[in-house]
Amino acid sequence: MRPRAASAAARLAIVERQRRFAWELAREAQVAAAQRFVSGKTHDLLNLVQIVELGAISLGERCPADKEVIDDLVRAAEDAKRSLESLMEVARPQAIPVRGPAVGPTIARVVDELRLAFDVDAHLAIDPDTATALAYDELEHLVVGMVLDVADAPRVELYARERVIGDERWVELVCGVSTPINGDHFDLRSVEVLAKHAGGELARSDRRGGGGELVVALPVFTDA
């Protein structure tokens, strides 16, 4: 296979893998939206059940002759309340941040693959042990998504560095090109979702001397 054909094949493989990940990310977002919907509706039903329960207790005080029927209503309401509370716990899982892999070595491996298809110049000024809350595949696809969004540029410069803002440490990923960044940000949709997932953010800015930059800031993971 000639070099140009090999580069095209590598680019196609990277893009296809990125698209599959984007679809999976979208599916997870839909599941999360469905969970929020179920949790909200379950909360409304729980309120109604509590009204029935309180009403049955009040009715029992006024009509002691119907105590057996009232007791059945109260027990049914209590059973329904327990079931709805369990459903709410399932529909509203608690996401616990987990330490991801070291950022520097991960980006170095990702860049090695990207160079098979794109002209990427990486500058890693980051502690070897610094990590975020992103898993390996999430960090990989975030970096790939940044590069794909500016892949039409003749050369892409990728910087990974640490910054201290206030009392917090941040990892800053900067993807810079010498040409203007176009308005098609398809690949940045997943990047923005992943950045927010890790407690960070995505920004775009003009580059000094011309061109543009994509900047993703991610908080450094700490056990505290």
N, C-alpha and C. Protein backbone atom coordinates (compact mmCIF):
# COMPACT_ATOMS: atom_id res chain seq x y z
N MET A 1 0.85 -1.19 0.00
CA MET A 1 0.00 0.00 0.00
C MET A 1 0.89 1.24 0.00
N ARG A 2 0.62 2.18 -0.90
CA ARG A 2 1.42 3.39 -0.97
C ARG A 2 1.14 4.28 0.23
N PRO A 3 2.09 5.20 0.60
CA PRO A 3 1.93 6.02 1.80
C PRO A 3 0.63 6.80 1.84
N ARG A 4 0.23 7.42 0.70
CA ARG A 4 -1.00 8.21 0.70
C ARG A 4 -2.21 7.33 0.95
N ALA A 5 -2.24 6.14 0.33
CA ALA A 5 -3.34 5.21 0.53
C ALA A 5 -3.37 4.72 1.96
N ALA A 6 -2.19 4.48 2.53
CA ALA A 6 -2.12 4.04 3.93
C ALA A 6 -2.65 5.11 4.86
N SER A 7 -2.31 6.38 4.57
CA SER A 7 -2.79 7.49 5.38
C SER A 7 -4.30 7.61 5.30
N ALA A 8 -4.86 7.46 4.11
CA ALA A 8 -6.32 7.53 3.93
C ALA A 8 -7.02 6.40 4.68
N ALA A 9 -6.44 5.20 4.63
CA ALA A 9 -7.03 4.06 5.32
C ALA A 9 -6.99 4.26 6.83
N ALA A 10 -5.88 4.82 7.34
CA ALA A 10 -5.76 5.08 8.77
C ALA A 10 -6.77 6.15 9.21
N ARG A 11 -6.94 7.17 8.37
CA ARG A 11 -7.90 8.23 8.69
C ARG A 11 -9.32 7.67 8.74
N LEU A 12 -9.65 6.82 7.77
CA LEU A 12 -10.99 6.23 7.72
C LEU A 12 -11.25 5.38 8.96
N ALA A 13 -10.25 4.61 9.38
CA ALA A 13 -10.41 3.76 10.57
C ALA A 13 -10.63 4.60 11.82
N ILE A 14 -9.89 5.70 11.93
CA ILE A 14 -10.03 6.59 13.09
C ILE A 14 -11.42 7.23 13.10
N VAL A 15 -11.87 7.70 11.94
CA VAL A 15 -13.17 8.36 11.85
C VAL A 15 -14.30 7.38 12.16
N GLU A 16 -14.21 6.17 11.62
CA GLU A 16 -15.26 5.17 11.87
C GLU A 16 -15.34 4.82 13.35
N ARG A 17 -14.20 4.67 14.00
CA ARG A 17 -14.21 4.35 15.43
C ARG A 17 -14.78 5.51 16.25
N GLN A 18 -14.45 6.72 15.82
CA GLN A 18 -14.95 7.89 16.51
C GLN A 18 -16.48 8.00 16.37
N ARG A 19 -16.99 7.67 15.19
CA ARG A 19 -18.44 7.73 14.97
C ARG A 19 -19.17 6.69 15.83
N ARG A 20 -18.59 5.49 15.92
CA ARG A 20 -19.22 4.45 16.75
C ARG A 20 -19.26 4.91 18.21
N PHE A 21 -18.19 5.53 18.66
CA PHE A 21 -18.16 6.02 20.04
C PHE A 21 -19.20 7.12 20.24
N ALA A 22 -19.34 8.01 19.23
CA ALA A 22 -20.32 9.10 19.32
C ALA A 22 -21.73 8.55 19.43
N TRP A 23 -22.03 7.49 18.66
CA TRP A 23 -23.35 6.86 18.73
C TRP A 23 -23.58 6.27 20.12
N GLU A 24 -22.58 5.62 20.67
CA GLU A 24 -22.71 5.03 22.00
C GLU A 24 -22.91 6.12 23.05
N LEU A 25 -22.20 7.23 22.90
CA LEU A 25 -22.34 8.35 23.82
C LEU A 25 -23.74 8.93 23.75
N ALA A 26 -24.28 9.04 22.52
CA ALA A 26 -25.64 9.54 22.35
C ALA A 26 -26.66 8.59 22.97
N ARG A 27 -26.42 7.29 22.83
CA ARG A 27 -27.34 6.31 23.42
C ARG A 27 -27.34 6.43 24.95
N GLU A 28 -26.16 6.60 25.53
CA GLU A 28 -26.07 6.76 26.98
C GLU A 28 -26.78 8.03 27.44
N ALA A 29 -26.70 9.09 26.62
CA ALA A 29 -27.39 10.34 26.97
C ALA A 29 -28.91 10.14 26.93
N GLN A 30 -29.39 9.34 25.96
CA GLN A 30 -30.82 9.05 25.90
C GLN A 30 -31.28 8.23 27.10
N VAL A 31 -30.47 7.27 27.50
CA VAL A 31 -30.81 6.47 28.68
C VAL A 31 -30.87 7.35 29.93
N ALA A 32 -29.91 8.27 30.05
CA ALA A 32 -29.90 9.17 31.20
C ALA A 32 -31.14 10.07 31.21
N ALA A 33 -31.55 10.54 30.02
CA ALA A 33 -32.75 11.37 29.92
C ALA A 33 -33.98 10.57 30.32
N ALA A 34 -34.04 9.31 29.89
CA ALA A 34 -35.18 8.44 30.26
C ALA A 34 -35.20 8.20 31.76
N GLN A 35 -34.03 8.02 32.36
CA GLN A 35 -33.96 7.83 33.81
C GLN A 35 -34.47 9.05 34.55
N ARG A 36 -34.10 10.25 34.08
CA ARG A 36 -34.59 11.47 34.73
C ARG A 36 -36.10 11.60 34.60
N PHE A 37 -36.63 11.22 33.42
CA PHE A 37 -38.08 11.28 33.20
C PHE A 37 -38.81 10.33 34.16
N VAL A 38 -38.33 9.08 34.25
CA VAL A 38 -38.95 8.09 35.13
C VAL A 38 -38.86 8.55 36.59
N SER A 39 -37.72 9.09 36.97
CA SER A 39 -37.54 9.56 38.34
C SER A 39 -38.54 10.66 38.67
N GLY A 40 -38.75 11.58 37.73
CA GLY A 40 -39.69 12.68 37.95
C GLY A 40 -41.11 12.19 38.08
N LYS A 41 -41.52 11.29 37.17
CA LYS A 41 -42.88 10.75 37.22
C LYS A 41 -43.09 9.92 38.49
N THR A 42 -42.08 9.16 38.87
CA THR A 42 -42.18 8.35 40.08
C THR A 42 -42.35 9.24 41.32
N HIS A 43 -41.65 10.37 41.32
CA HIS A 43 -41.79 11.31 42.43
C HIS A 43 -43.22 11.83 42.52
N ASP A 44 -43.83 12.13 41.36
CA ASP A 44 -45.22 12.60 41.36
C ASP A 44 -46.17 11.52 41.90
N LEU A 45 -45.95 10.27 41.47
CA LEU A 45 -46.79 9.17 41.94
C LEU A 45 -46.62 8.96 43.44
N LEU A 46 -45.39 9.13 43.92
CA LEU A 46 -45.13 8.97 45.35
C LEU A 46 -45.91 9.99 46.17
N ASN A 47 -46.00 11.21 45.66
CA ASN A 47 -46.79 12.24 46.33
C ASN A 47 -48.26 11.84 46.41
N LEU A 48 -48.79 11.28 45.31
CA LEU A 48 -50.19 10.87 45.30
C LEU A 48 -50.43 9.73 46.28
N VAL A 49 -49.51 8.77 46.33
CA VAL A 49 -49.65 7.65 47.26
C VAL A 49 -49.64 8.14 48.70
N GLN A 50 -48.78 9.12 49.00
CA GLN A 50 -48.73 9.65 50.36
C GLN A 50 -50.04 10.35 50.73
N ILE A 51 -50.66 11.01 49.74
CA ILE A 51 -51.96 11.63 49.99
C ILE A 51 -53.00 10.57 50.33
N VAL A 52 -52.99 9.47 49.56
CA VAL A 52 -53.92 8.37 49.84
C VAL A 52 -53.67 7.79 51.23
N GLU A 53 -52.40 7.61 51.58
CA GLU A 53 -52.06 7.04 52.88
C GLU A 53 -52.55 7.93 54.02
N LEU A 54 -52.28 9.23 53.93
CA LEU A 54 -52.71 10.16 54.97
C LEU A 54 -54.24 10.24 55.05
N GLY A 55 -54.88 10.21 53.84
CA GLY A 55 -56.34 10.25 53.81
C GLY A 55 -56.95 9.02 54.46
N ALA A 56 -56.33 7.86 54.23
CA ALA A 56 -56.85 6.62 54.82
C ALA A 56 -56.72 6.65 56.34
N ILE A 57 -55.61 7.16 56.84
CA ILE A 57 -55.42 7.25 58.29
C ILE A 57 -56.45 8.19 58.90
N SER A 58 -56.65 9.33 58.24
CA SER A 58 -57.65 10.28 58.74
C SER A 58 -59.06 9.69 58.71
N LEU A 59 -59.37 8.96 57.64
CA LEU A 59 -60.68 8.34 57.51
C LEU A 59 -60.88 7.27 58.59
N GLY A 60 -59.81 6.54 58.93
CA GLY A 60 -59.91 5.53 59.96
C GLY A 60 -60.23 6.12 61.31
N GLU A 61 -59.74 7.32 61.58
CA GLU A 61 -60.03 7.97 62.86
C GLU A 61 -61.49 8.40 62.94
N ARG A 62 -62.08 8.71 61.78
CA ARG A 62 -63.46 9.18 61.76
C ARG A 62 -64.46 8.03 61.64
N CYS A 63 -64.02 6.93 61.04
CA CYS A 63 -64.92 5.79 60.82
C CYS A 63 -64.30 4.52 61.39
N PRO A 64 -64.24 4.37 62.69
CA PRO A 64 -63.59 3.20 63.30
C PRO A 64 -64.28 1.89 62.94
N ALA A 65 -65.54 1.92 62.52
CA ALA A 65 -66.26 0.69 62.16
C ALA A 65 -65.67 0.05 60.91
N ASP A 66 -65.04 0.84 60.06
CA ASP A 66 -64.46 0.32 58.82
C ASP A 66 -62.96 0.10 58.96
N LYS A 67 -62.51 -0.22 60.16
CA LYS A 67 -61.07 -0.32 60.44
C LYS A 67 -60.36 -1.32 59.54
N GLU A 68 -60.97 -2.48 59.26
CA GLU A 68 -60.30 -3.50 58.44
C GLU A 68 -60.03 -2.98 57.04
N VAL A 69 -61.02 -2.32 56.45
CA VAL A 69 -60.85 -1.77 55.10
C VAL A 69 -59.80 -0.66 55.11
N ILE A 70 -59.84 0.19 56.14
CA ILE A 70 -58.87 1.29 56.23
C ILE A 70 -57.45 0.75 56.38
N ASP A 71 -57.30 -0.29 57.22
CA ASP A 71 -55.98 -0.90 57.41
C ASP A 71 -55.43 -1.45 56.09
N ASP A 72 -56.32 -2.06 55.27
CA ASP A 72 -55.89 -2.57 53.96
C ASP A 72 -55.41 -1.43 53.07
N LEU A 73 -56.11 -0.31 53.10
CA LEU A 73 -55.70 0.85 52.29
C LEU A 73 -54.34 1.38 52.74
N VAL A 74 -54.13 1.44 54.04
CA VAL A 74 -52.86 1.95 54.57
C VAL A 74 -51.71 1.02 54.19
N ARG A 75 -51.93 -0.29 54.34
CA ARG A 75 -50.88 -1.24 53.97
C ARG A 75 -50.56 -1.18 52.48
N ALA A 76 -51.62 -1.07 51.65
CA ALA A 76 -51.40 -0.97 50.20
C ALA A 76 -50.61 0.29 49.85
N ALA A 77 -50.94 1.40 50.53
CA ALA A 77 -50.22 2.65 50.28
C ALA A 77 -48.76 2.53 50.71
N GLU A 78 -48.51 1.88 51.85
CA GLU A 78 -47.13 1.71 52.31
C GLU A 78 -46.32 0.83 51.36
N ASP A 79 -46.95 -0.25 50.85
CA ASP A 79 -46.27 -1.12 49.88
C ASP A 79 -45.96 -0.36 48.60
N ALA A 80 -46.93 0.43 48.14
CA ALA A 80 -46.72 1.21 46.91
C ALA A 80 -45.61 2.24 47.11
N LYS A 81 -45.57 2.84 48.29
CA LYS A 81 -44.54 3.85 48.58
C LYS A 81 -43.15 3.22 48.55
N ARG A 82 -43.00 2.06 49.19
CA ARG A 82 -41.70 1.37 49.19
C ARG A 82 -41.27 0.99 47.77
N SER A 83 -42.22 0.52 46.96
CA SER A 83 -41.90 0.14 45.57
C SER A 83 -41.48 1.35 44.76
N LEU A 84 -42.17 2.47 44.93
CA LEU A 84 -41.83 3.68 44.18
C LEU A 84 -40.48 4.24 44.63
N GLU A 85 -40.19 4.17 45.91
CA GLU A 85 -38.88 4.65 46.40
C GLU A 85 -37.74 3.80 45.83
N SER A 86 -37.97 2.49 45.73
CA SER A 86 -36.95 1.61 45.13
C SER A 86 -36.77 1.95 43.66
N LEU A 87 -37.88 2.22 42.96
CA LEU A 87 -37.80 2.58 41.54
C LEU A 87 -37.05 3.88 41.35
N MET A 88 -37.25 4.83 42.25
CA MET A 88 -36.54 6.11 42.15
C MET A 88 -35.04 5.91 42.32
N GLU A 89 -34.63 5.01 43.21
CA GLU A 89 -33.21 4.75 43.40
C GLU A 89 -32.58 4.14 42.14
N VAL A 90 -33.33 3.25 41.48
CA VAL A 90 -32.84 2.63 40.25
C VAL A 90 -32.76 3.66 39.13
N ALA A 91 -33.76 4.53 39.04
CA ALA A 91 -33.84 5.50 37.95
C ALA A 91 -32.92 6.69 38.16
N ARG A 92 -32.36 6.83 39.36
CA ARG A 92 -31.51 7.97 39.65
C ARG A 92 -30.21 7.49 40.26
N PRO A 93 -29.39 6.76 39.47
CA PRO A 93 -28.13 6.24 40.01
C PRO A 93 -27.16 7.37 40.33
N GLN A 94 -26.36 7.17 41.36
CA GLN A 94 -25.38 8.17 41.76
C GLN A 94 -24.06 7.90 41.05
N ALA A 95 -23.62 8.87 40.26
CA ALA A 95 -22.35 8.72 39.55
C ALA A 95 -21.20 9.08 40.50
N ILE A 96 -20.32 8.14 40.72
CA ILE A 96 -19.18 8.36 41.60
C ILE A 96 -17.93 8.53 40.73
N PRO A 97 -17.29 9.71 40.79
CA PRO A 97 -16.09 9.92 39.96
C PRO A 97 -15.01 8.90 40.28
N VAL A 98 -14.36 8.42 39.24
CA VAL A 98 -13.28 7.44 39.39
C VAL A 98 -12.04 7.98 38.69
N ARG A 99 -10.90 7.76 39.30
CA ARG A 99 -9.65 8.24 38.71
C ARG A 99 -9.38 7.53 37.39
N GLY A 100 -9.11 8.30 36.36
CA GLY A 100 -8.79 7.74 35.06
C GLY A 100 -7.30 7.51 34.91
N PRO A 101 -6.85 7.14 33.71
CA PRO A 101 -5.43 6.89 33.49
C PRO A 101 -4.63 8.19 33.44
N ALA A 102 -3.33 8.08 33.56
CA ALA A 102 -2.47 9.25 33.47
C ALA A 102 -2.64 9.92 32.11
N VAL A 103 -2.80 11.23 32.11
CA VAL A 103 -3.12 11.96 30.88
C VAL A 103 -1.96 11.94 29.89
N GLY A 104 -0.74 12.23 30.38
CA GLY A 104 0.41 12.32 29.47
C GLY A 104 0.64 11.07 28.64
N PRO A 105 0.84 9.90 29.27
CA PRO A 105 1.07 8.68 28.50
C PRO A 105 -0.10 8.33 27.57
N THR A 106 -1.33 8.61 28.02
CA THR A 106 -2.49 8.32 27.18
C THR A 106 -2.47 9.16 25.91
N ILE A 107 -2.23 10.45 26.06
CA ILE A 107 -2.19 11.33 24.89
C ILE A 107 -1.04 10.94 23.97
N ALA A 108 0.10 10.56 24.53
CA ALA A 108 1.24 10.15 23.70
C ALA A 108 0.88 8.96 22.82
N ARG A 109 0.16 7.98 23.38
CA ARG A 109 -0.25 6.81 22.59
C ARG A 109 -1.27 7.20 21.52
N VAL A 110 -2.21 8.08 21.89
CA VAL A 110 -3.22 8.51 20.93
C VAL A 110 -2.58 9.27 19.78
N VAL A 111 -1.63 10.14 20.09
CA VAL A 111 -0.96 10.93 19.05
C VAL A 111 -0.17 10.04 18.10
N ASP A 112 0.46 8.99 18.61
CA ASP A 112 1.19 8.06 17.76
C ASP A 112 0.27 7.46 16.68
N GLU A 113 -0.97 7.16 17.06
CA GLU A 113 -1.92 6.62 16.09
C GLU A 113 -2.40 7.72 15.14
N LEU A 114 -2.66 8.89 15.67
CA LEU A 114 -3.14 9.99 14.83
C LEU A 114 -2.13 10.37 13.76
N ARG A 115 -0.86 10.23 14.07
CA ARG A 115 0.18 10.63 13.11
C ARG A 115 0.21 9.73 11.88
N LEU A 116 -0.46 8.57 11.95
CA LEU A 116 -0.56 7.73 10.77
C LEU A 116 -1.47 8.35 9.71
N ALA A 117 -2.32 9.29 10.17
CA ALA A 117 -3.30 9.88 9.25
C ALA A 117 -3.23 11.40 9.17
N PHE A 118 -2.69 12.05 10.20
CA PHE A 118 -2.68 13.52 10.25
C PHE A 118 -1.30 14.02 10.65
N ASP A 119 -1.04 15.28 10.30
CA ASP A 119 0.21 15.92 10.70
C ASP A 119 -0.02 16.57 12.06
N VAL A 120 0.33 15.87 13.12
CA VAL A 120 0.09 16.34 14.49
C VAL A 120 1.42 16.51 15.20
N ASP A 121 1.61 17.69 15.79
CA ASP A 121 2.82 17.98 16.56
C ASP A 121 2.39 18.13 18.02
N ALA A 122 2.82 17.23 18.89
CA ALA A 122 2.37 17.22 20.28
C ALA A 122 3.43 17.80 21.20
N HIS A 123 2.98 18.56 22.19
CA HIS A 123 3.86 19.14 23.21
C HIS A 123 3.23 18.80 24.57
N LEU A 124 3.87 17.91 25.31
CA LEU A 124 3.32 17.44 26.57
C LEU A 124 4.15 17.99 27.73
N ALA A 125 3.59 18.97 28.43
CA ALA A 125 4.26 19.55 29.59
C ALA A 125 3.37 19.27 30.80
N ILE A 126 3.39 18.02 31.25
CA ILE A 126 2.46 17.58 32.28
C ILE A 126 3.10 16.49 33.13
N ASP A 127 2.78 16.47 34.40
CA ASP A 127 3.33 15.46 35.30
C ASP A 127 2.91 14.07 34.83
N PRO A 128 3.80 13.09 34.82
CA PRO A 128 3.47 11.76 34.32
C PRO A 128 2.31 11.08 35.06
N ASP A 129 2.05 11.46 36.31
CA ASP A 129 1.00 10.81 37.10
C ASP A 129 -0.32 11.58 37.11
N THR A 130 -0.35 12.74 36.48
CA THR A 130 -1.56 13.56 36.51
C THR A 130 -2.70 12.85 35.77
N ALA A 131 -3.87 12.80 36.42
CA ALA A 131 -5.01 12.11 35.85
C ALA A 131 -6.28 12.95 36.02
N THR A 132 -7.31 12.60 35.27
CA THR A 132 -8.61 13.25 35.39
C THR A 132 -9.66 12.17 35.70
N ALA A 133 -10.93 12.54 35.62
CA ALA A 133 -12.01 11.58 35.87
C ALA A 133 -12.45 10.87 34.59
N LEU A 134 -11.74 11.09 33.48
CA LEU A 134 -12.08 10.43 32.22
C LEU A 134 -11.40 9.06 32.12
N ALA A 135 -12.16 8.07 31.67
CA ALA A 135 -11.60 6.74 31.41
C ALA A 135 -10.71 6.81 30.17
N TYR A 136 -9.96 5.73 29.93
CA TYR A 136 -9.01 5.75 28.80
C TYR A 136 -9.72 6.03 27.48
N ASP A 137 -10.81 5.29 27.20
CA ASP A 137 -11.48 5.48 25.91
C ASP A 137 -12.11 6.86 25.80
N GLU A 138 -12.57 7.42 26.93
CA GLU A 138 -13.15 8.77 26.90
C GLU A 138 -12.08 9.81 26.59
N LEU A 139 -10.94 9.72 27.25
CA LEU A 139 -9.85 10.67 26.99
C LEU A 139 -9.33 10.51 25.57
N GLU A 140 -9.23 9.27 25.11
CA GLU A 140 -8.79 9.01 23.74
C GLU A 140 -9.71 9.68 22.73
N HIS A 141 -11.01 9.48 22.89
CA HIS A 141 -11.95 10.04 21.92
C HIS A 141 -12.09 11.54 22.05
N LEU A 142 -11.85 12.08 23.23
CA LEU A 142 -11.84 13.53 23.37
C LEU A 142 -10.71 14.14 22.55
N VAL A 143 -9.52 13.58 22.66
CA VAL A 143 -8.36 14.10 21.91
C VAL A 143 -8.58 13.91 20.41
N VAL A 144 -9.05 12.72 20.01
CA VAL A 144 -9.30 12.46 18.59
C VAL A 144 -10.35 13.42 18.05
N GLY A 145 -11.41 13.67 18.84
CA GLY A 145 -12.45 14.58 18.40
C GLY A 145 -11.94 15.99 18.18
N MET A 146 -11.04 16.45 19.05
CA MET A 146 -10.45 17.78 18.88
C MET A 146 -9.66 17.87 17.59
N VAL A 147 -8.86 16.83 17.33
CA VAL A 147 -8.03 16.83 16.12
C VAL A 147 -8.90 16.72 14.86
N LEU A 148 -9.92 15.86 14.89
CA LEU A 148 -10.77 15.71 13.72
C LEU A 148 -11.50 17.00 13.37
N ASP A 149 -11.83 17.79 14.37
CA ASP A 149 -12.56 19.02 14.10
C ASP A 149 -11.72 20.03 13.33
N VAL A 150 -10.40 19.94 13.44
CA VAL A 150 -9.51 20.87 12.73
C VAL A 150 -8.62 20.14 11.74
N ALA A 151 -9.04 18.93 11.35
CA ALA A 151 -8.18 18.07 10.54
C ALA A 151 -7.92 18.60 9.13
N ASP A 152 -8.71 19.58 8.68
CA ASP A 152 -8.49 20.15 7.35
C ASP A 152 -7.27 21.07 7.32
N ALA A 153 -6.80 21.47 8.49
CA ALA A 153 -5.61 22.32 8.54
C ALA A 153 -4.38 21.51 8.14
N PRO A 154 -3.38 22.17 7.52
CA PRO A 154 -2.19 21.44 7.10
C PRO A 154 -1.39 20.84 8.25
N ARG A 155 -1.50 21.47 9.43
CA ARG A 155 -0.74 20.98 10.58
C ARG A 155 -1.51 21.31 11.86
N VAL A 156 -1.51 20.36 12.77
CA VAL A 156 -2.22 20.53 14.03
C VAL A 156 -1.21 20.48 15.17
N GLU A 157 -1.26 21.47 16.05
CA GLU A 157 -0.40 21.49 17.22
C GLU A 157 -1.25 21.19 18.46
N LEU A 158 -0.85 20.17 19.20
CA LEU A 158 -1.59 19.75 20.38
C LEU A 158 -0.72 19.94 21.61
N TYR A 159 -1.24 20.69 22.58
CA TYR A 159 -0.52 20.96 23.82
C TYR A 159 -1.30 20.36 24.99
N ALA A 160 -0.60 19.75 25.91
CA ALA A 160 -1.18 19.28 27.17
C ALA A 160 -0.33 19.87 28.28
N ARG A 161 -0.97 20.65 29.14
CA ARG A 161 -0.23 21.33 30.19
C ARG A 161 -1.10 21.43 31.45
N GLU A 162 -0.47 21.75 32.55
CA GLU A 162 -1.19 21.92 33.81
C GLU A 162 -1.24 23.39 34.19
N ARG A 163 -2.37 23.77 34.81
CA ARG A 163 -2.52 25.13 35.32
C ARG A 163 -3.13 25.07 36.70
N VAL A 164 -2.83 26.04 37.51
CA VAL A 164 -3.45 26.17 38.83
C VAL A 164 -4.32 27.41 38.80
N ILE A 165 -5.61 27.21 39.02
CA ILE A 165 -6.56 28.32 39.05
C ILE A 165 -7.18 28.34 40.44
N GLY A 166 -6.90 29.41 41.18
CA GLY A 166 -7.32 29.44 42.57
C GLY A 166 -6.51 28.41 43.34
N ASP A 167 -7.20 27.47 43.95
CA ASP A 167 -6.53 26.39 44.68
C ASP A 167 -6.64 25.06 43.94
N GLU A 168 -7.15 25.09 42.71
CA GLU A 168 -7.39 23.85 41.99
C GLU A 168 -6.42 23.67 40.83
N ARG A 169 -6.03 22.41 40.63
CA ARG A 169 -5.16 22.06 39.49
C ARG A 169 -6.03 21.63 38.31
N TRP A 170 -5.65 22.08 37.13
CA TRP A 170 -6.39 21.75 35.92
C TRP A 170 -5.45 21.23 34.85
N VAL A 171 -5.97 20.32 34.04
CA VAL A 171 -5.28 19.89 32.83
C VAL A 171 -5.88 20.68 31.68
N GLU A 172 -5.04 21.30 30.89
CA GLU A 172 -5.51 22.09 29.76
C GLU A 172 -5.00 21.45 28.47
N LEU A 173 -5.92 21.06 27.60
CA LEU A 173 -5.59 20.51 26.29
C LEU A 173 -5.89 21.56 25.25
N VAL A 174 -4.89 21.93 24.47
CA VAL A 174 -5.04 22.99 23.48
C VAL A 174 -4.72 22.43 22.11
N CYS A 175 -5.66 22.57 21.19
CA CYS A 175 -5.48 22.11 19.81
C CYS A 175 -5.46 23.35 18.93
N GLY A 176 -4.30 23.70 18.39
CA GLY A 176 -4.16 24.93 17.63
C GLY A 176 -3.81 24.69 16.17
N VAL A 177 -4.35 25.54 15.30
CA VAL A 177 -4.05 25.48 13.87
C VAL A 177 -3.82 26.89 13.34
N SER A 178 -3.11 26.99 12.23
CA SER A 178 -2.77 28.30 11.67
C SER A 178 -3.87 28.85 10.78
N THR A 179 -4.88 28.05 10.48
CA THR A 179 -5.99 28.48 9.64
C THR A 179 -7.25 28.67 10.49
N PRO A 180 -8.21 29.48 10.04
CA PRO A 180 -9.44 29.67 10.82
C PRO A 180 -10.18 28.35 11.02
N ILE A 181 -10.79 28.19 12.18
CA ILE A 181 -11.59 27.01 12.46
C ILE A 181 -12.97 27.21 11.88
N ASN A 182 -13.43 26.26 11.04
CA ASN A 182 -14.72 26.44 10.38
C ASN A 182 -15.87 26.25 11.36
N GLY A 183 -17.08 26.44 10.85
CA GLY A 183 -18.26 26.39 11.71
C GLY A 183 -18.84 25.01 11.92
N ASP A 184 -18.27 23.99 11.30
CA ASP A 184 -18.82 22.64 11.44
C ASP A 184 -18.17 21.96 12.64
N HIS A 185 -18.93 21.88 13.73
CA HIS A 185 -18.35 21.36 14.97
C HIS A 185 -18.95 20.01 15.34
N PHE A 186 -19.18 19.16 14.34
CA PHE A 186 -19.79 17.86 14.61
C PHE A 186 -18.98 17.08 15.63
N ASP A 187 -17.66 17.01 15.44
CA ASP A 187 -16.83 16.20 16.32
C ASP A 187 -16.69 16.82 17.70
N LEU A 188 -17.01 18.11 17.83
CA LEU A 188 -16.90 18.75 19.13
C LEU A 188 -18.10 18.47 20.03
N ARG A 189 -19.17 17.93 19.45
CA ARG A 189 -20.33 17.63 20.30
C ARG A 189 -19.96 16.59 21.34
N SER A 190 -19.30 15.52 20.92
CA SER A 190 -18.87 14.49 21.86
C SER A 190 -17.79 15.04 22.79
N VAL A 191 -16.91 15.87 22.26
CA VAL A 191 -15.85 16.46 23.07
C VAL A 191 -16.45 17.26 24.23
N GLU A 192 -17.47 18.06 23.91
CA GLU A 192 -18.09 18.89 24.93
C GLU A 192 -18.80 18.04 25.98
N VAL A 193 -19.47 16.98 25.53
CA VAL A 193 -20.15 16.07 26.47
C VAL A 193 -19.14 15.43 27.42
N LEU A 194 -18.03 14.96 26.86
CA LEU A 194 -17.01 14.30 27.68
C LEU A 194 -16.36 15.28 28.65
N ALA A 195 -16.11 16.50 28.19
CA ALA A 195 -15.50 17.51 29.07
C ALA A 195 -16.41 17.81 30.25
N LYS A 196 -17.70 17.98 29.98
CA LYS A 196 -18.65 18.26 31.06
C LYS A 196 -18.78 17.07 32.01
N HIS A 197 -18.69 15.86 31.43
CA HIS A 197 -18.77 14.65 32.25
C HIS A 197 -17.66 14.62 33.30
N ALA A 198 -16.50 15.16 32.95
CA ALA A 198 -15.36 15.17 33.87
C ALA A 198 -15.29 16.45 34.69
N GLY A 199 -16.32 17.29 34.60
CA GLY A 199 -16.33 18.53 35.37
C GLY A 199 -15.58 19.66 34.71
N GLY A 200 -15.28 19.51 33.40
CA GLY A 200 -14.53 20.54 32.69
C GLY A 200 -15.37 21.28 31.68
N GLU A 201 -14.70 21.93 30.74
CA GLU A 201 -15.41 22.71 29.73
C GLU A 201 -14.59 22.83 28.46
N LEU A 202 -15.28 23.18 27.38
CA LEU A 202 -14.65 23.39 26.08
C LEU A 202 -14.79 24.85 25.70
N ALA A 203 -13.74 25.40 25.12
CA ALA A 203 -13.78 26.79 24.65
C ALA A 203 -13.09 26.90 23.30
N ARG A 204 -13.48 27.87 22.52
CA ARG A 204 -12.85 28.16 21.23
C ARG A 204 -12.34 29.60 21.27
N SER A 205 -11.22 29.84 20.65
CA SER A 205 -10.67 31.19 20.66
C SER A 205 -9.80 31.41 19.43
N ASP A 206 -9.58 32.68 19.10
CA ASP A 206 -8.66 33.02 18.02
C ASP A 206 -7.23 32.83 18.52
N ARG A 207 -6.38 32.47 17.60
CA ARG A 207 -4.99 32.24 17.97
C ARG A 207 -4.15 33.47 17.67
N ARG A 208 -3.28 33.80 18.60
CA ARG A 208 -2.41 34.95 18.38
C ARG A 208 -1.56 34.73 17.14
N GLY A 209 -1.59 35.67 16.24
CA GLY A 209 -0.85 35.53 14.99
C GLY A 209 -1.67 34.90 13.88
N GLY A 210 -2.95 34.60 14.15
CA GLY A 210 -3.82 34.01 13.14
C GLY A 210 -4.15 32.56 13.45
N GLY A 211 -5.28 32.11 12.92
CA GLY A 211 -5.71 30.74 13.17
C GLY A 211 -6.63 30.67 14.37
N GLY A 212 -6.79 29.48 14.89
CA GLY A 212 -7.70 29.30 16.01
C GLY A 212 -7.26 28.20 16.94
N GLU A 213 -7.90 28.14 18.09
CA GLU A 213 -7.57 27.13 19.09
C GLU A 213 -8.85 26.54 19.68
N LEU A 214 -8.77 25.26 19.97
CA LEU A 214 -9.79 24.59 20.77
C LEU A 214 -9.13 24.29 22.11
N VAL A 215 -9.80 24.63 23.20
CA VAL A 215 -9.23 24.44 24.53
C VAL A 215 -10.20 23.65 25.39
N VAL A 216 -9.73 22.54 25.95
CA VAL A 216 -10.51 21.76 26.90
C VAL A 216 -9.79 21.82 28.24
N ALA A 217 -10.51 22.27 29.26
CA ALA A 217 -9.95 22.33 30.61
C ALA A 217 -10.63 21.25 31.45
N LEU A 218 -9.83 20.41 32.10
CA LEU A 218 -10.34 19.31 32.92
C LEU A 218 -9.72 19.39 34.31
N PRO A 219 -10.53 19.31 35.38
CA PRO A 219 -9.94 19.31 36.71
C PRO A 219 -9.10 18.06 36.96
N VAL A 220 -7.98 18.24 37.60
CA VAL A 220 -7.13 17.10 37.97
C VAL A 220 -7.86 16.29 39.04
N PHE A 221 -7.85 14.97 38.85
CA PHE A 221 -8.54 14.09 39.82
C PHE A 221 -7.75 14.03 41.11
N THR A 222 -8.46 14.23 42.20
CA THR A 222 -7.84 14.09 43.52
C THR A 222 -8.72 13.17 44.36
N ASP A 223 -8.13 12.46 45.29
CA ASP A 223 -8.87 11.53 46.14
C ASP A 223 -9.61 12.24 47.25
N ALA A 224 -9.30 13.53 47.45
CA ALA A 224 -9.94 14.26 48.55
C ALA A 224 -11.40 14.52 48.24
